Amino acid sequence: MLALGARLVERGHEVVFETWKRWRGYAEGAGMRFLAAPEYPVFPTPERPVKPYEAVLLAAPRTRRALAETEPHAVLHDILTLAPALAGELEGLPVATLVPHVYPVAAPGLPPYALGARLPRTAWGRGLWRALARPLRIGVERGRAELNETRMRLGLEPLMRPHGGISAELALVATFPQLEYPRAWPPHARVIGPLLWEPPYHDVAPPPGEDPLVLVAPSTAQDPDHRLLRAALSGLGGERVRVLATTNRRPLGAAVDVPANARLVEWVSYSRTMPACDLVLTHAGHGTLVRALACGCPVLAVPHAGDMAENAARAAWARVGVRLPWRLLSPATLRLAVRHALSEPGLGARAAELAAWAAANDGATRAAGLVEEFALSRAR
């Protein structure tokens, strides 16, 4: 969102950015007007747990008042942030959706999103997923019912279509098209390429030498015990590689041994560091994954939670990385996986192809153009 908002400002537009207060400096630094979004905990907390749709009911009226005051020509919301979408609809404004990862809507013959299953290679496999489509729709129907209950409580009509949290007019899918399984695309869904943004940071020197450079880039939200980081430092000590690892400013807890061929730091700039790397070890969060590929660096994906298994499967299918299941992670298995990834020249060549595509198809520029067209067409 920050990448797209900044690009729209560069193109001469006024952008009002509603988000949590921690991002205020970055939004205003890029020339956007900041609005503080309602902040509700949507995961169980001892103080006051709020379920996701309860948070939407609380936030939507506040966001609607902000929309009435700012009078935007269009509203663009994150797929996981429904309050702005419903507030925009209440105000009669055109609403578009940003999907900051691969497209999550199922298609005939494809495995369900987030399962981490590879694209079927046989008619039998495609038939299996078609057969399972009906029971898998139960979850989709439940989600539609919950959304429609929320809509009606806000005074909106229920929707008959599934995935009502995604705009039926414009959905920007901010990933590499090379990571998307072949499918019949609906006209409103546009794959624009990744939207890349990171806070500024200085260069961090890797360990000296000429051996391949491996970056350990763990999730900022998962793996609180740093299992991936510990396995990498333990398993790669003594290997013919250099290891640059970051804690991403999360406490380590118990001390960790850093081998002679490694350097452990609290933070790195991915855009500055990844172009010099030969391999990125990651939990396969989408942002880290596409940043590595945009830098031409293959990945070793060790998915932990959420959509990480899906991202790891897409990387393996696109031949830009290998994946190591979380349940099999150990220093020994990680060492073997790193050896395999570094010995497979096709991974680097394919990642370089995606980097060239990203350089020629800037996601923020493509997205900004589509948002402009969307706002102008609805204003007529």
Protein backbone atom coordinates (compact mmCIF):
# COMPACT_ATOMS: atom_id res chain seq x y z
CA MET A 1 0.00 0.00 0.00
CA LEU A 2 2.84 2.39 0.80
CA ALA A 3 4.53 1.62 -2.51
CA LEU A 4 1.33 2.28 -4.46
CA GLY A 5 0.41 5.39 -2.48
CA ALA A 6 3.86 6.88 -3.03
CA ARG A 7 3.64 6.22 -6.76
CA LEU A 8 0.23 7.89 -6.99
CA VAL A 9 1.65 10.95 -5.23
CA GLU A 10 4.52 11.01 -7.73
CA ARG A 11 1.93 11.04 -10.51
CA GLY A 12 0.29 14.16 -9.09
CA HIS A 13 -2.58 12.72 -7.08
CA GLU A 14 -3.73 13.53 -3.57
CA VAL A 15 -3.58 10.35 -1.51
CA VAL A 16 -5.19 9.88 1.89
CA PHE A 17 -3.64 6.90 3.65
CA GLU A 18 -5.60 5.35 6.52
CA THR A 19 -3.60 2.89 8.58
CA TRP A 20 -2.21 2.28 12.05
CA LYS A 21 -0.17 5.00 13.74
CA ARG A 22 3.12 3.14 13.48
CA TRP A 23 3.17 3.87 9.73
CA ARG A 24 2.40 7.58 9.97
CA GLY A 25 5.95 8.81 9.39
CA TYR A 26 6.40 6.69 6.29
CA ALA A 27 3.08 7.78 4.76
CA GLU A 28 3.66 11.47 5.41
CA GLY A 29 7.28 11.18 4.31
CA ALA A 30 6.03 10.01 0.91
CA GLY A 31 3.68 12.99 0.59
CA MET A 32 0.46 11.30 1.64
CA ARG A 33 -2.08 12.63 4.09
CA PHE A 34 -2.27 10.30 7.09
CA LEU A 35 -5.48 9.20 8.82
CA ALA A 36 -5.28 7.04 11.93
CA ALA A 37 -7.21 3.83 11.37
CA PRO A 38 -9.17 2.27 14.24
CA GLU A 39 -6.94 -0.27 15.95
CA TYR A 40 -8.68 -3.28 17.41
CA PRO A 41 -7.02 -6.54 18.47
CA VAL A 42 -8.52 -9.24 16.26
CA PHE A 43 -6.80 -12.17 17.89
CA PRO A 44 -7.65 -13.54 21.36
CA THR A 45 -6.19 -11.38 24.10
CA PRO A 46 -6.67 -11.61 27.86
CA GLU A 47 -8.00 -8.05 27.94
CA ARG A 48 -10.73 -8.04 25.29
CA PRO A 49 -10.76 -10.41 22.37
CA VAL A 50 -12.47 -9.06 19.25
CA LYS A 51 -13.39 -11.36 16.39
CA PRO A 52 -12.54 -10.11 12.87
CA TYR A 53 -16.10 -9.24 11.84
CA GLU A 54 -16.73 -7.54 15.20
CA ALA A 55 -13.73 -5.33 14.48
CA VAL A 56 -15.20 -4.53 11.05
CA LEU A 57 -18.48 -3.45 12.66
CA LEU A 58 -16.60 -1.19 15.05
CA ALA A 59 -14.27 0.30 12.44
CA ALA A 60 -16.57 0.82 9.43
CA PRO A 61 -18.59 3.76 10.85
CA ARG A 62 -15.40 5.61 11.83
CA THR A 63 -13.89 5.06 8.40
CA ARG A 64 -17.15 6.15 6.78
CA ARG A 65 -16.96 9.48 8.59
CA ALA A 66 -13.40 9.90 7.33
CA LEU A 67 -14.54 9.18 3.76
CA ALA A 68 -17.36 11.72 4.04
CA GLU A 69 -14.84 14.35 5.12
CA THR A 70 -12.15 13.61 2.54
CA GLU A 71 -14.51 12.87 -0.41
CA PRO A 72 -12.14 10.62 -2.39
CA HIS A 73 -12.81 9.63 -5.99
CA ALA A 74 -12.13 5.96 -5.14
CA VAL A 75 -11.31 3.70 -2.21
CA LEU A 76 -8.59 1.03 -2.34
CA HIS A 77 -8.53 -1.43 0.53
CA ASP A 78 -6.37 -4.38 1.50
CA ILE A 79 -8.05 -7.77 1.11
CA LEU A 80 -7.82 -8.36 4.88
CA THR A 81 -9.15 -4.90 5.77
CA LEU A 82 -12.88 -4.92 5.10
CA ALA A 83 -14.01 -1.85 7.04
CA PRO A 84 -12.85 0.63 4.33
CA ALA A 85 -14.54 -1.44 1.64
CA LEU A 86 -17.88 -1.45 3.43
CA ALA A 87 -17.54 2.20 4.42
CA GLY A 88 -16.86 3.12 0.80
CA GLU A 89 -19.92 1.20 -0.33
CA LEU A 90 -22.05 2.97 2.29
CA GLU A 91 -20.82 6.31 0.91
CA GLY A 92 -21.55 5.28 -2.68
CA LEU A 93 -17.89 5.34 -3.67
CA PRO A 94 -16.15 2.99 -6.13
CA VAL A 95 -14.12 0.40 -4.21
CA ALA A 96 -11.12 -1.58 -5.44
CA THR A 97 -9.15 -4.29 -3.62
CA LEU A 98 -5.43 -4.85 -3.27
CA VAL A 99 -4.44 -8.52 -2.94
CA PRO A 100 -0.82 -8.40 -1.69
CA HIS A 101 -0.07 -12.03 -2.51
CA VAL A 102 -1.14 -14.72 -4.97
CA TYR A 103 -4.81 -14.79 -5.90
CA PRO A 104 -6.73 -16.75 -3.22
CA VAL A 105 -9.89 -17.58 -5.17
CA ALA A 106 -10.25 -21.23 -6.14
CA ALA A 107 -10.57 -22.39 -9.75
CA PRO A 108 -11.69 -25.74 -11.20
CA GLY A 109 -8.98 -28.37 -11.01
CA LEU A 110 -6.66 -26.29 -8.82
CA PRO A 111 -5.81 -27.09 -5.19
CA PRO A 112 -7.38 -24.81 -2.58
CA TYR A 113 -5.45 -21.72 -1.57
CA ALA A 114 -3.10 -21.89 1.45
CA LEU A 115 -2.94 -25.69 1.49
CA GLY A 116 0.49 -25.64 -0.13
CA ALA A 117 -0.35 -28.31 -2.70
CA ARG A 118 1.36 -28.22 -6.07
CA LEU A 119 -0.48 -27.80 -9.36
CA PRO A 120 -1.74 -31.26 -10.41
CA ARG A 121 0.23 -32.80 -13.26
CA THR A 122 -2.25 -35.49 -14.32
CA ALA A 123 -5.92 -35.79 -15.20
CA TRP A 124 -6.34 -37.90 -12.06
CA GLY A 125 -4.96 -35.09 -9.90
CA ARG A 126 -7.20 -32.48 -11.52
CA GLY A 127 -10.16 -34.80 -11.05
CA LEU A 128 -9.32 -35.23 -7.37
CA TRP A 129 -9.43 -31.48 -6.74
CA ARG A 130 -12.67 -31.16 -8.70
CA ALA A 131 -14.19 -33.90 -6.57
CA LEU A 132 -13.13 -32.14 -3.40
CA ALA A 133 -14.38 -28.75 -4.58
CA ARG A 134 -17.89 -29.20 -3.18
CA PRO A 135 -16.93 -30.02 0.43
CA LEU A 136 -14.26 -27.30 0.32
CA ARG A 137 -16.94 -24.78 -0.61
CA ILE A 138 -18.41 -25.15 2.88
CA GLY A 139 -15.79 -22.78 4.25
CA VAL A 140 -16.44 -20.28 1.46
CA GLU A 141 -20.18 -20.38 2.15
CA ARG A 142 -19.58 -19.88 5.86
CA GLY A 143 -17.42 -16.85 5.10
CA ARG A 144 -20.10 -15.39 2.85
CA ALA A 145 -22.74 -15.86 5.55
CA GLU A 146 -20.57 -14.09 8.13
CA LEU A 147 -19.83 -11.25 5.74
CA ASN A 148 -23.49 -10.86 4.81
CA GLU A 149 -24.50 -10.76 8.46
CA THR A 150 -22.01 -7.93 8.94
CA ARG A 151 -23.26 -6.15 5.82
CA MET A 152 -26.86 -6.29 6.96
CA ARG A 153 -25.95 -4.96 10.41
CA LEU A 154 -24.36 -1.98 8.64
CA GLY A 155 -27.40 -1.46 6.41
CA LEU A 156 -26.02 -3.05 3.21
CA GLU A 157 -27.68 -5.65 1.05
CA PRO A 158 -26.30 -9.21 1.22
CA LEU A 159 -24.16 -10.50 -1.64
CA MET A 160 -24.91 -13.65 -3.58
CA ARG A 161 -21.36 -14.09 -4.92
CA PRO A 162 -18.60 -15.74 -2.87
CA HIS A 163 -15.45 -13.88 -1.83
CA GLY A 164 -17.42 -10.69 -1.25
CA GLY A 165 -14.44 -9.11 0.45
CA ILE A 166 -12.79 -8.74 -2.98
CA SER A 167 -14.09 -5.99 -5.23
CA ALA A 168 -15.99 -7.25 -8.28
CA GLU A 169 -14.87 -4.12 -10.16
CA LEU A 170 -11.08 -4.10 -9.70
CA ALA A 171 -8.78 -6.43 -7.79
CA LEU A 172 -5.05 -5.71 -8.03
CA VAL A 173 -3.10 -8.95 -7.51
CA ALA A 174 0.37 -7.85 -6.41
CA THR A 175 2.48 -10.87 -7.24
CA PHE A 176 4.54 -12.23 -10.09
CA PRO A 177 2.39 -13.71 -12.85
CA GLN A 178 4.99 -16.50 -12.96
CA LEU A 179 3.82 -17.58 -9.49
CA GLU A 180 0.19 -17.87 -10.54
CA TYR A 181 -1.15 -21.25 -11.65
CA PRO A 182 -2.73 -21.20 -15.14
CA ARG A 183 -6.41 -20.36 -14.86
CA ALA A 184 -9.26 -18.47 -16.52
CA TRP A 185 -8.95 -15.00 -15.05
CA PRO A 186 -12.04 -12.88 -14.28
CA PRO A 187 -11.87 -9.50 -16.04
CA HIS A 188 -11.69 -7.51 -12.80
CA ALA A 189 -8.61 -9.34 -11.45
CA ARG A 190 -5.33 -7.89 -12.73
CA VAL A 191 -1.94 -9.38 -11.88
CA ILE A 192 0.33 -6.34 -11.64
CA GLY A 193 3.58 -7.71 -10.23
CA PRO A 194 4.84 -7.24 -6.67
CA LEU A 195 4.52 -3.93 -4.84
CA LEU A 196 7.89 -3.52 -3.14
CA TRP A 197 8.51 -1.24 -0.17
CA GLU A 198 10.80 -1.31 2.84
CA PRO A 199 11.92 1.19 5.47
CA PRO A 200 15.25 2.81 4.66
CA TYR A 201 18.36 1.23 6.16
CA HIS A 202 22.08 1.37 5.60
CA ASP A 203 24.32 -1.26 3.98
CA VAL A 204 25.32 -4.24 6.12
CA ALA A 205 28.59 -5.95 5.23
CA PRO A 206 28.41 -9.73 4.77
CA PRO A 207 31.12 -12.09 6.08
CA PRO A 208 34.32 -11.72 4.03
CA GLY A 209 35.30 -14.17 1.32
CA GLU A 210 34.22 -15.45 -2.07
CA ASP A 211 32.02 -18.40 -1.09
CA PRO A 212 28.30 -18.27 -1.97
CA LEU A 213 26.39 -15.82 0.21
CA VAL A 214 23.30 -17.15 1.97
CA LEU A 215 20.89 -14.68 3.59
CA VAL A 216 18.74 -15.93 6.47
CA ALA A 217 15.64 -13.71 6.34
CA PRO A 218 13.12 -14.96 8.90
CA SER A 219 9.54 -13.83 9.31
CA THR A 220 8.85 -10.75 11.41
CA ALA A 221 5.63 -12.33 12.72
CA GLN A 222 6.18 -16.10 12.98
CA ASP A 223 8.67 -18.52 14.57
CA PRO A 224 9.10 -16.73 17.93
CA ASP A 225 11.79 -19.20 19.04
CA HIS A 226 13.91 -18.48 15.94
CA ARG A 227 13.96 -22.13 14.98
CA LEU A 228 14.87 -21.39 11.35
CA LEU A 229 17.63 -18.97 12.34
CA ARG A 230 19.11 -21.41 14.85
CA ALA A 231 18.98 -24.31 12.40
CA ALA A 232 20.74 -22.22 9.74
CA LEU A 233 23.55 -21.05 12.02
CA SER A 234 24.05 -24.54 13.40
CA GLY A 235 23.72 -26.42 10.14
CA LEU A 236 25.78 -24.13 7.91
CA GLY A 237 28.76 -23.64 10.18
CA GLY A 238 31.74 -25.17 8.40
CA GLU A 239 30.00 -25.26 5.01
CA ARG A 240 31.60 -23.57 2.00
CA VAL A 241 29.18 -20.67 2.25
CA ARG A 242 28.99 -17.27 3.90
CA VAL A 243 25.92 -16.69 6.07
CA LEU A 244 24.37 -13.31 6.78
CA ALA A 245 21.48 -13.73 9.23
CA THR A 246 19.10 -11.21 10.77
CA THR A 247 16.89 -11.42 13.83
CA ASN A 248 14.56 -8.79 12.31
CA ARG A 249 14.70 -6.96 15.65
CA ARG A 250 13.03 -9.78 17.53
CA PRO A 251 14.51 -10.96 20.83
CA LEU A 252 16.56 -14.13 20.60
CA GLY A 253 15.86 -15.43 24.06
CA ALA A 254 18.47 -18.13 24.61
CA ALA A 255 21.93 -17.38 23.26
CA VAL A 256 22.89 -18.68 19.83
CA ASP A 257 26.34 -19.71 18.59
CA VAL A 258 27.44 -17.81 15.49
CA PRO A 259 29.98 -19.79 13.43
CA ALA A 260 33.06 -18.21 11.89
CA ASN A 261 31.53 -18.10 8.40
CA ALA A 262 28.43 -16.21 9.59
CA ARG A 263 27.38 -12.78 10.76
CA LEU A 264 24.26 -12.17 12.84
CA VAL A 265 22.69 -8.69 12.79
CA GLU A 266 19.40 -7.18 13.96
CA TRP A 267 18.23 -5.84 10.58
CA VAL A 268 19.20 -5.61 6.92
CA SER A 269 17.85 -3.80 3.89
CA TYR A 270 16.64 -6.53 1.57
CA SER A 271 16.86 -4.31 -1.49
CA ARG A 272 20.51 -3.53 -0.72
CA THR A 273 21.53 -7.03 0.41
CA MET A 274 19.66 -9.57 -1.71
CA PRO A 275 21.18 -8.64 -5.11
CA ALA A 276 24.55 -9.88 -3.80
CA CYS A 277 23.14 -13.14 -2.40
CA ASP A 278 23.17 -16.59 -3.96
CA LEU A 279 20.30 -17.94 -1.86
CA VAL A 280 17.69 -16.57 0.57
CA LEU A 281 16.42 -18.71 3.44
CA THR A 282 12.91 -17.61 4.35
CA HIS A 283 9.70 -18.72 6.01
CA ALA A 284 8.13 -17.81 2.63
CA GLY A 285 6.17 -14.77 3.61
CA HIS A 286 5.08 -13.24 0.31
CA GLY A 287 6.92 -9.94 0.77
CA THR A 288 10.28 -11.56 1.43
CA LEU A 289 9.74 -14.12 -1.33
CA VAL A 290 8.97 -11.63 -4.08
CA ARG A 291 11.70 -9.23 -2.95
CA ALA A 292 14.26 -12.05 -3.32
CA LEU A 293 12.95 -12.94 -6.77
CA ALA A 294 12.90 -9.30 -7.86
CA CYS A 295 16.59 -9.24 -6.92
CA GLY A 296 17.24 -12.38 -8.98
CA CYS A 297 17.90 -14.56 -5.95
CA PRO A 298 16.42 -18.08 -5.57
CA VAL A 299 14.93 -19.13 -2.25
CA LEU A 300 14.92 -21.99 0.20
CA ALA A 301 11.41 -21.80 1.64
CA VAL A 302 10.63 -23.26 5.07
CA PRO A 303 6.95 -22.35 5.51
CA HIS A 304 5.65 -21.93 9.04
CA ALA A 305 2.05 -20.66 9.06
CA GLY A 306 -0.67 -18.82 7.16
CA ASP A 307 -0.12 -18.52 3.41
CA MET A 308 3.56 -19.49 3.64
CA ALA A 309 2.96 -23.07 2.51
CA GLU A 310 1.17 -21.75 -0.56
CA ASN A 311 4.00 -19.34 -1.36
CA ALA A 312 6.59 -22.10 -0.95
CA ALA A 313 4.63 -24.37 -3.28
CA ARG A 314 4.42 -21.64 -5.92
CA ALA A 315 8.17 -20.99 -5.70
CA ALA A 316 8.94 -24.69 -6.18
CA TRP A 317 6.44 -24.96 -9.05
CA ALA A 318 7.90 -21.89 -10.76
CA ARG A 319 11.42 -23.38 -10.38
CA VAL A 320 12.76 -20.42 -8.45
CA GLY A 321 13.35 -22.23 -5.17
CA VAL A 322 13.12 -25.38 -3.12
CA ARG A 323 11.01 -25.99 -0.05
CA LEU A 324 11.73 -27.76 3.20
CA PRO A 325 8.64 -28.68 5.27
CA TRP A 326 8.56 -27.13 8.72
CA ARG A 327 8.13 -30.51 10.38
CA LEU A 328 11.40 -31.72 8.82
CA LEU A 329 13.47 -28.66 9.72
CA SER A 330 16.74 -29.43 11.50
CA PRO A 331 20.35 -28.31 11.08
CA ALA A 332 21.08 -31.43 9.03
CA THR A 333 18.06 -31.21 6.72
CA LEU A 334 18.59 -27.50 6.18
CA ARG A 335 22.23 -28.08 5.30
CA LEU A 336 21.24 -30.68 2.70
CA ALA A 337 18.55 -28.39 1.29
CA VAL A 338 21.03 -25.51 0.95
CA ARG A 339 23.49 -27.78 -0.84
CA HIS A 340 20.76 -28.88 -3.23
CA ALA A 341 19.59 -25.32 -3.94
CA LEU A 342 23.10 -24.01 -4.57
CA SER A 343 23.97 -26.94 -6.85
CA GLU A 344 20.93 -26.45 -9.08
CA PRO A 345 21.88 -23.77 -11.65
CA GLY A 346 18.36 -23.63 -13.07
CA LEU A 347 17.04 -21.97 -9.91
CA GLY A 348 19.30 -18.95 -10.26
CA ALA A 349 18.67 -18.67 -13.98
CA ARG A 350 14.91 -18.73 -13.48
CA ALA A 351 15.09 -16.21 -10.63
CA ALA A 352 17.11 -13.93 -12.91
CA GLU A 353 14.28 -14.16 -15.47
CA LEU A 354 11.79 -12.96 -12.87
CA ALA A 355 14.11 -10.13 -11.87
CA ALA A 356 14.29 -9.02 -15.49
CA TRP A 357 10.49 -9.16 -15.72
CA ALA A 358 10.15 -7.04 -12.55
CA ALA A 359 12.61 -4.47 -13.88
CA ALA A 360 10.55 -4.10 -17.06
CA ASN A 361 7.14 -4.22 -15.33
CA ASP A 362 7.13 -2.05 -12.23
CA GLY A 363 4.20 -3.16 -10.08
CA ALA A 364 3.57 0.22 -8.47
CA THR A 365 3.44 1.97 -11.85
CA ARG A 366 1.09 -0.64 -13.30
CA ALA A 367 -1.15 -0.48 -10.24
CA ALA A 368 -1.23 3.33 -10.22
CA GLY A 369 -2.33 3.40 -13.85
CA LEU A 370 -5.15 0.95 -13.17
CA VAL A 371 -6.31 2.92 -10.13
CA GLU A 372 -6.34 6.10 -12.20
CA GLU A 373 -8.43 4.44 -14.92
CA PHE A 374 -10.78 3.00 -12.31
CA ALA A 375 -11.36 6.31 -10.53
CA LEU A 376 -11.85 8.25 -13.79
CA SER A 377 -14.22 5.69 -15.30
CA ARG A 378 -16.43 5.69 -12.20
CA ALA A 379 -16.41 9.51 -12.01
CA ARG A 380 -17.92 9.87 -15.47
